[in-house]
Amino acid sequence: MKKVLVFLLLLSIPVISPAQGIKLIGGISLSNIRLVSGYYPENPKSTTRLVAGIGFESGGDKVLWEADVLYFQKGCRAETGDIRGNFNLDEISVPVLLKLKFGPETSPFILAGGEAAYVLSYKNTEGYKTDLKKFTKSFDYGLVFGGGLQLIMDTFGINIEARYHYGLADLGNESSGSHFKTSSFVFAAGLLF
């Protein structure tokens, strides 16, 4: 895990230091939890969460690096008999992405890369309200794929994009009894300066 974080931070250095563009990002994620083993949350269902943060872009007209720092809400809803759950997993996420544009100005693009995240909290906020952070590992990581459209104006740009964040980390610790990973579809817009 530490090697993954160091690798992502090293990749982000050429993006952040000579950043050509700074992007404000906001959107929603359609998030879910994939149960690897254990029993809870049983039958998880997708739920809508928030994503917001800042991004840094650098590179040429068609090939760019992007590093983001995001407040990323993940989680799911679950219902087993009379027991209901609304599981909220809040993270600070740092995706580092390679972005390929199909043209130098206004253009569609595709992106791919990795994500490292620190888990801020994990709670069930419905039914048996419980703080689950002590049963959760502190670091998350995964892969990111997506695409979108970048519109270039005179003094700023607008990004409209969709991403899929596929969690690779098993977030349940030894005392949790359940092991799970996350997955999220993100729909976001950004202002590029």
C-alpha atoms as a PDB file:
ATOM      1  CA  MET A   1       0.000   0.000   0.000  1.00  0.00           C
ATOM      2  CA  LYS A   2       2.770   2.446   0.890  1.00  0.00           C
ATOM      3  CA  LYS A   3       4.429   1.696  -2.448  1.00  0.00           C
ATOM      4  CA  VAL A   4       1.217   2.596  -4.283  1.00  0.00           C
ATOM      5  CA  LEU A   5       0.960   5.934  -2.421  1.00  0.00           C
ATOM      6  CA  VAL A   6       4.612   6.791  -3.106  1.00  0.00           C
ATOM      7  CA  PHE A   7       4.176   5.879  -6.784  1.00  0.00           C
ATOM      8  CA  LEU A   8       1.091   8.100  -7.152  1.00  0.00           C
ATOM      9  CA  LEU A   9       2.766  11.000  -5.362  1.00  0.00           C
ATOM     10  CA  LEU A  10       5.828  10.710  -7.615  1.00  0.00           C
ATOM     11  CA  LEU A  11       3.583  10.711 -10.681  1.00  0.00           C
ATOM     12  CA  SER A  12       1.810  13.839  -9.432  1.00  0.00           C
ATOM     13  CA  ILE A  13       5.034  15.903  -9.093  1.00  0.00           C
ATOM     14  CA  PRO A  14       5.310  16.782 -12.810  1.00  0.00           C
ATOM     15  CA  VAL A  15       1.612  17.665 -12.809  1.00  0.00           C
ATOM     16  CA  ILE A  16       1.489  19.918  -9.751  1.00  0.00           C
ATOM     17  CA  SER A  17       4.829  21.743 -10.079  1.00  0.00           C
ATOM     18  CA  PRO A  18       4.488  23.211 -13.598  1.00  0.00           C
ATOM     19  CA  ALA A  19       0.680  23.177 -13.576  1.00  0.00           C
ATOM     20  CA  GLN A  20      -0.739  24.822 -16.709  1.00  0.00           C
ATOM     21  CA  GLY A  21      -4.301  24.726 -15.481  1.00  0.00           C
ATOM     22  CA  ILE A  22      -6.149  24.635 -12.190  1.00  0.00           C
ATOM     23  CA  LYS A  23      -9.597  23.086 -12.174  1.00  0.00           C
ATOM     24  CA  LEU A  24     -12.443  23.403  -9.662  1.00  0.00           C
ATOM     25  CA  ILE A  25     -14.422  20.139  -9.674  1.00  0.00           C
ATOM     26  CA  GLY A  26     -17.895  19.318  -8.417  1.00  0.00           C
ATOM     27  CA  GLY A  27     -20.323  16.502  -9.060  1.00  0.00           C
ATOM     28  CA  ILE A  28     -22.083  13.405  -7.850  1.00  0.00           C
ATOM     29  CA  SER A  29     -21.069   9.780  -7.511  1.00  0.00           C
ATOM     30  CA  LEU A  30     -23.310   6.782  -7.899  1.00  0.00           C
ATOM     31  CA  SER A  31     -21.515   4.643  -5.344  1.00  0.00           C
ATOM     32  CA  ASN A  32     -21.728   1.095  -4.050  1.00  0.00           C
ATOM     33  CA  ILE A  33     -19.876  -1.362  -1.826  1.00  0.00           C
ATOM     34  CA  ARG A  34     -18.797  -4.757  -3.134  1.00  0.00           C
ATOM     35  CA  LEU A  35     -18.866  -7.335  -0.332  1.00  0.00           C
ATOM     36  CA  VAL A  36     -15.796  -9.611  -0.579  1.00  0.00           C
ATOM     37  CA  SER A  37     -16.557 -11.749   2.482  1.00  0.00           C
ATOM     38  CA  GLY A  38     -18.601 -11.502   5.643  1.00  0.00           C
ATOM     39  CA  TYR A  39     -22.226 -10.641   6.089  1.00  0.00           C
ATOM     40  CA  TYR A  40     -22.679  -6.882   6.410  1.00  0.00           C
ATOM     41  CA  PRO A  41     -23.761  -4.792   4.592  1.00  0.00           C
ATOM     42  CA  GLU A  42     -25.887  -7.495   3.011  1.00  0.00           C
ATOM     43  CA  ASN A  43     -27.432  -6.826  -0.416  1.00  0.00           C
ATOM     44  CA  PRO A  44     -25.830  -3.384  -0.875  1.00  0.00           C
ATOM     45  CA  LYS A  45     -27.521  -0.994  -3.293  1.00  0.00           C
ATOM     46  CA  SER A  46     -26.071   2.043  -5.050  1.00  0.00           C
ATOM     47  CA  THR A  47     -26.612   5.477  -3.592  1.00  0.00           C
ATOM     48  CA  THR A  48     -25.873   9.030  -4.698  1.00  0.00           C
ATOM     49  CA  ARG A  49     -23.051  10.905  -2.964  1.00  0.00           C
ATOM     50  CA  LEU A  50     -21.036  14.123  -3.482  1.00  0.00           C
ATOM     51  CA  VAL A  51     -17.600  14.757  -4.989  1.00  0.00           C
ATOM     52  CA  ALA A  52     -15.792  18.125  -4.853  1.00  0.00           C
ATOM     53  CA  GLY A  53     -12.236  19.368  -5.042  1.00  0.00           C
ATOM     54  CA  ILE A  54      -9.452  20.865  -7.090  1.00  0.00           C
ATOM     55  CA  GLY A  55      -7.382  19.530  -9.965  1.00  0.00           C
ATOM     56  CA  PHE A  56      -4.098  20.411 -11.646  1.00  0.00           C
ATOM     57  CA  GLU A  57      -3.358  19.815 -15.351  1.00  0.00           C
ATOM     58  CA  SER A  58      -0.056  19.922 -17.214  1.00  0.00           C
ATOM     59  CA  GLY A  59       1.209  18.750 -20.578  1.00  0.00           C
ATOM     60  CA  GLY A  60       0.786  19.376 -24.278  1.00  0.00           C
ATOM     61  CA  ASP A  61      -2.213  20.061 -26.480  1.00  0.00           C
ATOM     62  CA  LYS A  62      -3.320  16.432 -26.672  1.00  0.00           C
ATOM     63  CA  VAL A  63      -1.495  14.479 -23.920  1.00  0.00           C
ATOM     64  CA  LEU A  64      -1.815  15.780 -20.364  1.00  0.00           C
ATOM     65  CA  TRP A  65      -1.272  14.667 -16.774  1.00  0.00           C
ATOM     66  CA  GLU A  66      -3.916  15.503 -14.189  1.00  0.00           C
ATOM     67  CA  ALA A  67      -3.780  15.224 -10.412  1.00  0.00           C
ATOM     68  CA  ASP A  68      -6.851  15.950  -8.289  1.00  0.00           C
ATOM     69  CA  VAL A  69      -7.465  16.353  -4.581  1.00  0.00           C
ATOM     70  CA  LEU A  70     -11.098  15.435  -3.910  1.00  0.00           C
ATOM     71  CA  TYR A  71     -13.496  15.168  -1.003  1.00  0.00           C
ATOM     72  CA  PHE A  72     -15.168  11.955  -2.150  1.00  0.00           C
ATOM     73  CA  GLN A  73     -18.247  10.399  -0.531  1.00  0.00           C
ATOM     74  CA  LYS A  74     -18.732   6.694  -1.170  1.00  0.00           C
ATOM     75  CA  GLY A  75     -21.057   4.130   0.364  1.00  0.00           C
ATOM     76  CA  CYS A  76     -24.288   2.214  -0.138  1.00  0.00           C
ATOM     77  CA  ARG A  77     -27.761   1.524   1.181  1.00  0.00           C
ATOM     78  CA  ALA A  78     -28.640  -1.905   2.555  1.00  0.00           C
ATOM     79  CA  GLU A  79     -31.737  -3.571   3.947  1.00  0.00           C
ATOM     80  CA  THR A  80     -31.904  -6.983   5.609  1.00  0.00           C
ATOM     81  CA  GLY A  81     -35.312  -7.783   7.045  1.00  0.00           C
ATOM     82  CA  ASP A  82     -36.128  -4.983   9.487  1.00  0.00           C
ATOM     83  CA  ILE A  83     -32.535  -3.713   9.566  1.00  0.00           C
ATOM     84  CA  ARG A  84     -31.793  -0.756   7.319  1.00  0.00           C
ATOM     85  CA  GLY A  85     -28.472   0.877   6.706  1.00  0.00           C
ATOM     86  CA  ASN A  86     -27.156   3.975   5.000  1.00  0.00           C
ATOM     87  CA  PHE A  87     -23.386   3.508   4.931  1.00  0.00           C
ATOM     88  CA  ASN A  88     -21.338   6.681   4.382  1.00  0.00           C
ATOM     89  CA  LEU A  89     -17.626   6.359   3.614  1.00  0.00           C
ATOM     90  CA  ASP A  90     -15.933   9.775   3.349  1.00  0.00           C
ATOM     91  CA  GLU A  91     -12.457  10.015   1.816  1.00  0.00           C
ATOM     92  CA  ILE A  92      -9.823  12.477   0.671  1.00  0.00           C
ATOM     93  CA  SER A  93      -8.964  11.033  -2.735  1.00  0.00           C
ATOM     94  CA  VAL A  94      -5.946  11.790  -4.952  1.00  0.00           C
ATOM     95  CA  PRO A  95      -6.445  10.486  -8.514  1.00  0.00           C
ATOM     96  CA  VAL A  96      -3.427  10.801 -10.831  1.00  0.00           C
ATOM     97  CA  LEU A  97      -4.539  10.498 -14.448  1.00  0.00           C
ATOM     98  CA  LEU A  98      -3.230  10.432 -17.998  1.00  0.00           C
ATOM     99  CA  LYS A  99      -5.580  12.451 -20.196  1.00  0.00           C
ATOM    100  CA  LEU A 100      -5.699  12.100 -24.000  1.00  0.00           C
ATOM    101  CA  LYS A 101      -7.514  14.839 -25.927  1.00  0.00           C
ATOM    102  CA  PHE A 102      -8.598  14.338 -29.540  1.00  0.00           C
ATOM    103  CA  GLY A 103      -7.852  17.970 -30.463  1.00  0.00           C
ATOM    104  CA  PRO A 104      -5.881  20.955 -29.140  1.00  0.00           C
ATOM    105  CA  GLU A 105      -8.805  23.221 -28.197  1.00  0.00           C
ATOM    106  CA  THR A 106     -12.433  22.204 -27.555  1.00  0.00           C
ATOM    107  CA  SER A 107     -12.309  18.432 -27.725  1.00  0.00           C
ATOM    108  CA  PRO A 108     -13.530  15.139 -26.277  1.00  0.00           C
ATOM    109  CA  PHE A 109     -11.014  13.260 -24.129  1.00  0.00           C
ATOM    110  CA  ILE A 110     -10.402   9.949 -22.390  1.00  0.00           C
ATOM    111  CA  LEU A 111      -8.537   9.444 -19.128  1.00  0.00           C
ATOM    112  CA  ALA A 112      -7.110   6.611 -17.062  1.00  0.00           C
ATOM    113  CA  GLY A 113      -4.979   6.256 -13.970  1.00  0.00           C
ATOM    114  CA  GLY A 114      -4.927   5.395 -10.315  1.00  0.00           C
ATOM    115  CA  GLU A 115      -6.374   6.715  -7.089  1.00  0.00           C
ATOM    116  CA  ALA A 116      -5.070   6.727  -3.528  1.00  0.00           C
ATOM    117  CA  ALA A 117      -7.347   7.864  -0.700  1.00  0.00           C
ATOM    118  CA  TYR A 118      -7.409   8.393   3.034  1.00  0.00           C
ATOM    119  CA  VAL A 119     -10.601   7.276   4.804  1.00  0.00           C
ATOM    120  CA  LEU A 120     -11.923  10.120   6.987  1.00  0.00           C
ATOM    121  CA  SER A 121     -14.993   8.346   8.365  1.00  0.00           C
ATOM    122  CA  TYR A 122     -17.277   5.358   7.871  1.00  0.00           C
ATOM    123  CA  LYS A 123     -20.721   5.455   9.494  1.00  0.00           C
ATOM    124  CA  ASN A 124     -24.126   3.865   9.327  1.00  0.00           C
ATOM    125  CA  THR A 125     -26.466   6.853   9.581  1.00  0.00           C
ATOM    126  CA  GLU A 126     -29.786   4.980   9.504  1.00  0.00           C
ATOM    127  CA  GLY A 127     -31.374   2.296  11.684  1.00  0.00           C
ATOM    128  CA  TYR A 128     -28.679   1.184  14.133  1.00  0.00           C
ATOM    129  CA  LYS A 129     -26.588   4.343  13.830  1.00  0.00           C
ATOM    130  CA  THR A 130     -22.985   3.262  14.269  1.00  0.00           C
ATOM    131  CA  ASP A 131     -19.500   4.680  13.785  1.00  0.00           C
ATOM    132  CA  LEU A 132     -17.699   1.956  11.816  1.00  0.00           C
ATOM    133  CA  LYS A 133     -14.322   3.699  11.372  1.00  0.00           C
ATOM    134  CA  LYS A 134     -12.618   1.434  13.933  1.00  0.00           C
ATOM    135  CA  PHE A 135     -13.527  -1.563  11.746  1.00  0.00           C
ATOM    136  CA  THR A 136     -12.152   0.077   8.594  1.00  0.00           C
ATOM    137  CA  LYS A 137      -8.666   0.412   7.154  1.00  0.00           C
ATOM    138  CA  SER A 138      -7.413   3.972   6.724  1.00  0.00           C
ATOM    139  CA  PHE A 139      -6.198   3.787   3.117  1.00  0.00           C
ATOM    140  CA  ASP A 140      -8.082   3.029  -0.086  1.00  0.00           C
ATOM    141  CA  TYR A 141      -6.738   2.730  -3.627  1.00  0.00           C
ATOM    142  CA  GLY A 142      -7.988   1.743  -7.035  1.00  0.00           C
ATOM    143  CA  LEU A 143      -8.178   2.369 -10.772  1.00  0.00           C
ATOM    144  CA  VAL A 144      -9.918   5.215 -12.588  1.00  0.00           C
ATOM    145  CA  PHE A 145     -11.229   5.267 -16.177  1.00  0.00           C
ATOM    146  CA  GLY A 146     -13.387   7.806 -17.966  1.00  0.00           C
ATOM    147  CA  GLY A 147     -13.962  10.399 -20.604  1.00  0.00           C
ATOM    148  CA  GLY A 148     -15.606  13.691 -21.294  1.00  0.00           C
ATOM    149  CA  LEU A 149     -15.606  16.952 -23.178  1.00  0.00           C
ATOM    150  CA  GLN A 150     -13.409  20.001 -22.609  1.00  0.00           C
ATOM    151  CA  LEU A 151     -14.778  23.318 -23.895  1.00  0.00           C
ATOM    152  CA  ILE A 152     -12.142  26.060 -24.220  1.00  0.00           C
ATOM    153  CA  MET A 153     -13.371  29.667 -23.924  1.00  0.00           C
ATOM    154  CA  ASP A 154     -11.283  32.872 -24.076  1.00  0.00           C
ATOM    155  CA  THR A 155     -10.103  32.938 -20.444  1.00  0.00           C
ATOM    156  CA  PHE A 156     -11.296  29.625 -18.997  1.00  0.00           C
ATOM    157  CA  GLY A 157     -12.413  26.130 -19.871  1.00  0.00           C
ATOM    158  CA  ILE A 158     -15.313  23.882 -18.887  1.00  0.00           C
ATOM    159  CA  ASN A 159     -14.929  20.140 -18.376  1.00  0.00           C
ATOM    160  CA  ILE A 160     -17.875  17.749 -18.371  1.00  0.00           C
ATOM    161  CA  GLU A 161     -16.823  14.202 -17.582  1.00  0.00           C
ATOM    162  CA  ALA A 162     -17.775  10.752 -16.373  1.00  0.00           C
ATOM    163  CA  ARG A 163     -15.391   8.488 -14.446  1.00  0.00           C
ATOM    164  CA  TYR A 164     -15.498   5.003 -13.032  1.00  0.00           C
ATOM    165  CA  HIS A 165     -13.517   4.519  -9.783  1.00  0.00           C
ATOM    166  CA  TYR A 166     -12.882   0.797  -9.194  1.00  0.00           C
ATOM    167  CA  GLY A 167     -11.611   0.176  -5.659  1.00  0.00           C
ATOM    168  CA  LEU A 168      -8.916  -2.467  -5.231  1.00  0.00           C
ATOM    169  CA  ALA A 169      -8.349  -2.147  -1.472  1.00  0.00           C
ATOM    170  CA  ASP A 170     -10.102  -4.451   0.978  1.00  0.00           C
ATOM    171  CA  LEU A 171     -11.333  -1.873   3.494  1.00  0.00           C
ATOM    172  CA  GLY A 172     -12.454  -4.228   6.267  1.00  0.00           C
ATOM    173  CA  ASN A 173      -9.798  -4.685   8.948  1.00  0.00           C
ATOM    174  CA  GLU A 174      -9.171  -7.837  11.014  1.00  0.00           C
ATOM    175  CA  SER A 175     -11.778  -6.952  13.668  1.00  0.00           C
ATOM    176  CA  SER A 176     -14.570  -6.049  11.227  1.00  0.00           C
ATOM    177  CA  GLY A 177     -15.949  -9.487  10.311  1.00  0.00           C
ATOM    178  CA  SER A 178     -16.680  -8.144   6.817  1.00  0.00           C
ATOM    179  CA  HIS A 179     -14.393  -7.327   3.924  1.00  0.00           C
ATOM    180  CA  PHE A 180     -15.488  -4.951   1.199  1.00  0.00           C
ATOM    181  CA  LYS A 181     -14.336  -2.777  -1.700  1.00  0.00           C
ATOM    182  CA  THR A 182     -15.872   0.300  -3.269  1.00  0.00           C
ATOM    183  CA  SER A 183     -16.949   1.260  -6.778  1.00  0.00           C
ATOM    184  CA  SER A 184     -18.307   4.595  -8.000  1.00  0.00           C
ATOM    185  CA  PHE A 185     -19.530   6.194 -11.216  1.00  0.00           C
ATOM    186  CA  VAL A 186     -18.728   9.910 -11.013  1.00  0.00           C
ATOM    187  CA  PHE A 187     -20.451  12.597 -13.079  1.00  0.00           C
ATOM    188  CA  ALA A 188     -18.646  15.909 -12.664  1.00  0.00           C
ATOM    189  CA  ALA A 189     -18.172  19.357 -14.124  1.00  0.00           C
ATOM    190  CA  GLY A 190     -15.105  21.503 -13.745  1.00  0.00           C
ATOM    191  CA  LEU A 191     -14.005  25.089 -14.362  1.00  0.00           C
ATOM    192  CA  LEU A 192     -10.464  25.223 -15.754  1.00  0.00           C
ATOM    193  CA  PHE A 193      -8.400  28.402 -15.241  1.00  0.00           C
END
